[in-house]
């Protein structure tokens, strides 16, 4: 019985409808944990230790850039991928904060899975 253990992805998105859609896109492939802002994401990161964080950038309370910096300050090996509708204005900021890559909304399920697989192969 060589059942593959699913990797865990922490999805951070303040739009609840999109958060649910992302969970549906990912749940067949990954264990999905959800947060609705950066502060919540940081707390969950330390309790769950996910294999990857998928975060929106523009959110209330704490944005994805600050959350990325905070997570990486405490875990330099964290894998973080951003998602944003503000790609042109925000992509560079998140990459500078330490994210591996940023996907522009809207994206396809296939593109999302290909991107996450790229960082979760091991």
C-alpha atoms as a PDB file:
ATOM      1  CA  UNK A   1       0.000   0.000   0.000  1.00  0.00           C
ATOM      2  CA  UNK A   2       1.959   2.960  -1.260  1.00  0.00           C
ATOM      3  CA  UNK A   3      -0.614   5.709  -0.839  1.00  0.00           C
ATOM      4  CA  UNK A   4       0.860   9.112  -1.623  1.00  0.00           C
ATOM      5  CA  UNK A   5       0.457  11.629   1.157  1.00  0.00           C
ATOM      6  CA  UNK A   6      -1.161  14.816  -0.098  1.00  0.00           C
ATOM      7  CA  UNK A   7       0.820  18.015   0.317  1.00  0.00           C
ATOM      8  CA  UNK A   8      -0.847  20.851   2.226  1.00  0.00           C
ATOM      9  CA  UNK A   9      -1.547  24.239   0.652  1.00  0.00           C
ATOM     10  CA  UNK A  10      -2.571  27.268   2.696  1.00  0.00           C
ATOM     11  CA  UNK A  11      -4.850  29.424   0.506  1.00  0.00           C
ATOM     12  CA  UNK A  12      -5.132  33.068   1.566  1.00  0.00           C
ATOM     13  CA  UNK A  13      -7.913  35.044  -0.142  1.00  0.00           C
ATOM     14  CA  UNK A  14     -10.337  37.648   1.226  1.00  0.00           C
ATOM     15  CA  UNK A  15     -12.956  37.079  -1.502  1.00  0.00           C
ATOM     16  CA  UNK A  16     -14.947  34.196   0.007  1.00  0.00           C
ATOM     17  CA  UNK A  17     -16.418  33.060  -3.322  1.00  0.00           C
ATOM     18  CA  UNK A  18     -12.938  32.883  -4.845  1.00  0.00           C
ATOM     19  CA  UNK A  19     -11.593  31.167  -1.724  1.00  0.00           C
ATOM     20  CA  UNK A  20     -14.225  28.439  -2.167  1.00  0.00           C
ATOM     21  CA  UNK A  21     -13.461  28.181  -5.899  1.00  0.00           C
ATOM     22  CA  UNK A  22      -9.732  27.796  -5.172  1.00  0.00           C
ATOM     23  CA  UNK A  23     -10.479  25.077  -2.632  1.00  0.00           C
ATOM     24  CA  UNK A  24     -12.571  23.222  -5.232  1.00  0.00           C
ATOM     25  CA  UNK A  25      -9.768  23.541  -7.803  1.00  0.00           C
ATOM     26  CA  UNK A  26      -7.152  22.176  -5.407  1.00  0.00           C
ATOM     27  CA  UNK A  27      -8.821  19.701  -3.056  1.00  0.00           C
ATOM     28  CA  UNK A  28      -8.429  16.638  -5.307  1.00  0.00           C
ATOM     29  CA  UNK A  29      -4.658  17.186  -5.334  1.00  0.00           C
ATOM     30  CA  UNK A  30      -3.848  18.842  -2.020  1.00  0.00           C
ATOM     31  CA  UNK A  31      -5.022  19.252   1.556  1.00  0.00           C
ATOM     32  CA  UNK A  32      -6.389  22.801   1.564  1.00  0.00           C
ATOM     33  CA  UNK A  33      -6.340  25.110   4.574  1.00  0.00           C
ATOM     34  CA  UNK A  34      -7.971  28.521   4.205  1.00  0.00           C
ATOM     35  CA  UNK A  35      -7.326  31.999   5.592  1.00  0.00           C
ATOM     36  CA  UNK A  36      -9.014  35.282   4.686  1.00  0.00           C
ATOM     37  CA  UNK A  37      -6.180  37.726   5.442  1.00  0.00           C
ATOM     38  CA  UNK A  38      -2.443  37.869   6.094  1.00  0.00           C
ATOM     39  CA  UNK A  39      -2.697  37.857   9.894  1.00  0.00           C
ATOM     40  CA  UNK A  40      -4.790  34.699   9.846  1.00  0.00           C
ATOM     41  CA  UNK A  41      -2.363  33.186   7.323  1.00  0.00           C
ATOM     42  CA  UNK A  42       0.651  33.753   9.581  1.00  0.00           C
ATOM     43  CA  UNK A  43      -1.077  32.131  12.572  1.00  0.00           C
ATOM     44  CA  UNK A  44      -2.138  29.138  10.466  1.00  0.00           C
ATOM     45  CA  UNK A  45       1.299  28.874   8.882  1.00  0.00           C
ATOM     46  CA  UNK A  46       2.913  28.225  12.242  1.00  0.00           C
ATOM     47  CA  UNK A  47       0.281  25.781  13.472  1.00  0.00           C
ATOM     48  CA  UNK A  48      -0.098  23.809  10.226  1.00  0.00           C
ATOM     49  CA  UNK A  49       3.317  24.224   8.534  1.00  0.00           C
ATOM     50  CA  UNK A  50       1.886  23.905   4.994  1.00  0.00           C
ATOM     51  CA  UNK A  51       4.055  22.815   2.066  1.00  0.00           C
ATOM     52  CA  UNK A  52       3.090  25.946   0.122  1.00  0.00           C
ATOM     53  CA  UNK A  53       1.201  29.209   0.646  1.00  0.00           C
ATOM     54  CA  UNK A  54      -1.011  30.535  -2.154  1.00  0.00           C
ATOM     55  CA  UNK A  55      -1.820  34.134  -1.286  1.00  0.00           C
ATOM     56  CA  UNK A  56      -3.764  37.017  -2.687  1.00  0.00           C
ATOM     57  CA  UNK A  57      -1.907  40.322  -2.420  1.00  0.00           C
ATOM     58  CA  UNK A  58      -4.551  42.975  -1.759  1.00  0.00           C
ATOM     59  CA  UNK A  59      -6.446  42.073   1.438  1.00  0.00           C
ATOM     60  CA  UNK A  60      -7.744  43.845   4.551  1.00  0.00           C
ATOM     61  CA  UNK A  61      -5.934  43.662   7.919  1.00  0.00           C
ATOM     62  CA  UNK A  62      -2.639  42.467   6.413  1.00  0.00           C
ATOM     63  CA  UNK A  63      -1.816  42.171   2.732  1.00  0.00           C
ATOM     64  CA  UNK A  64      -0.033  39.295   1.034  1.00  0.00           C
ATOM     65  CA  UNK A  65       3.248  41.209   0.781  1.00  0.00           C
ATOM     66  CA  UNK A  66       3.541  41.800   4.541  1.00  0.00           C
ATOM     67  CA  UNK A  67       2.402  38.235   5.268  1.00  0.00           C
ATOM     68  CA  UNK A  68       5.011  36.868   2.826  1.00  0.00           C
ATOM     69  CA  UNK A  69       7.793  38.922   4.460  1.00  0.00           C
ATOM     70  CA  UNK A  70       6.709  37.798   7.929  1.00  0.00           C
ATOM     71  CA  UNK A  71       6.501  34.097   7.030  1.00  0.00           C
ATOM     72  CA  UNK A  72       9.868  34.148   5.246  1.00  0.00           C
ATOM     73  CA  UNK A  73      11.525  36.028   8.108  1.00  0.00           C
ATOM     74  CA  UNK A  74      10.697  33.078  10.367  1.00  0.00           C
ATOM     75  CA  UNK A  75      10.920  30.301   7.771  1.00  0.00           C
ATOM     76  CA  UNK A  76      13.327  31.184   4.927  1.00  0.00           C
ATOM     77  CA  UNK A  77      12.418  27.920   3.163  1.00  0.00           C
ATOM     78  CA  UNK A  78       8.702  28.706   2.913  1.00  0.00           C
ATOM     79  CA  UNK A  79       7.270  28.371  -0.596  1.00  0.00           C
ATOM     80  CA  UNK A  80       4.890  31.191  -1.423  1.00  0.00           C
ATOM     81  CA  UNK A  81       3.016  31.810  -4.674  1.00  0.00           C
ATOM     82  CA  UNK A  82       0.954  34.966  -5.139  1.00  0.00           C
ATOM     83  CA  UNK A  83      -2.288  35.544  -6.987  1.00  0.00           C
ATOM     84  CA  UNK A  84      -3.577  38.981  -7.898  1.00  0.00           C
ATOM     85  CA  UNK A  85      -5.794  40.941 -10.230  1.00  0.00           C
ATOM     86  CA  UNK A  86      -3.309  43.827  -9.805  1.00  0.00           C
ATOM     87  CA  UNK A  87      -0.507  41.980 -11.538  1.00  0.00           C
ATOM     88  CA  UNK A  88       1.240  44.920 -13.209  1.00  0.00           C
ATOM     89  CA  UNK A  89       1.349  47.080 -10.094  1.00  0.00           C
ATOM     90  CA  UNK A  90       1.878  44.377  -7.437  1.00  0.00           C
ATOM     91  CA  UNK A  91       3.804  41.464  -8.972  1.00  0.00           C
ATOM     92  CA  UNK A  92       7.264  43.000  -8.444  1.00  0.00           C
ATOM     93  CA  UNK A  93       6.490  43.879  -4.797  1.00  0.00           C
ATOM     94  CA  UNK A  94       5.543  40.297  -3.962  1.00  0.00           C
ATOM     95  CA  UNK A  95       8.554  38.828  -5.784  1.00  0.00           C
ATOM     96  CA  UNK A  96      10.786  41.287  -3.888  1.00  0.00           C
ATOM     97  CA  UNK A  97       9.137  40.121  -0.652  1.00  0.00           C
ATOM     98  CA  UNK A  98      10.256  36.594  -1.503  1.00  0.00           C
ATOM     99  CA  UNK A  99       7.399  34.891  -3.366  1.00  0.00           C
ATOM    100  CA  UNK A 100       8.437  32.280  -5.933  1.00  0.00           C
ATOM    101  CA  UNK A 101       5.958  33.434  -8.559  1.00  0.00           C
ATOM    102  CA  UNK A 102       2.789  35.480  -9.043  1.00  0.00           C
ATOM    103  CA  UNK A 103      -0.220  34.361 -11.080  1.00  0.00           C
ATOM    104  CA  UNK A 104      -2.464  36.959 -12.641  1.00  0.00           C
ATOM    105  CA  UNK A 105      -6.191  36.585 -11.970  1.00  0.00           C
ATOM    106  CA  UNK A 106      -8.116  35.157 -13.673  1.00  0.00           C
ATOM    107  CA  UNK A 107      -6.169  31.934 -14.280  1.00  0.00           C
ATOM    108  CA  UNK A 108      -7.214  28.427 -15.243  1.00  0.00           C
ATOM    109  CA  UNK A 109      -7.282  25.451 -12.891  1.00  0.00           C
ATOM    110  CA  UNK A 110      -4.660  23.827 -15.094  1.00  0.00           C
ATOM    111  CA  UNK A 111      -2.311  26.829 -14.833  1.00  0.00           C
ATOM    112  CA  UNK A 112      -2.782  26.913 -11.058  1.00  0.00           C
ATOM    113  CA  UNK A 113      -2.053  23.196 -10.641  1.00  0.00           C
ATOM    114  CA  UNK A 114       0.978  23.347 -12.977  1.00  0.00           C
ATOM    115  CA  UNK A 115       2.398  26.271 -10.983  1.00  0.00           C
ATOM    116  CA  UNK A 116       1.899  24.613  -7.597  1.00  0.00           C
ATOM    117  CA  UNK A 117       3.230  21.263  -8.855  1.00  0.00           C
ATOM    118  CA  UNK A 118       6.392  23.019  -9.999  1.00  0.00           C
ATOM    119  CA  UNK A 119       7.184  24.009  -6.398  1.00  0.00           C
ATOM    120  CA  UNK A 120       5.828  20.930  -4.660  1.00  0.00           C
ATOM    121  CA  UNK A 121       7.692  18.229  -6.597  1.00  0.00           C
ATOM    122  CA  UNK A 122       9.886  16.229  -4.266  1.00  0.00           C
END
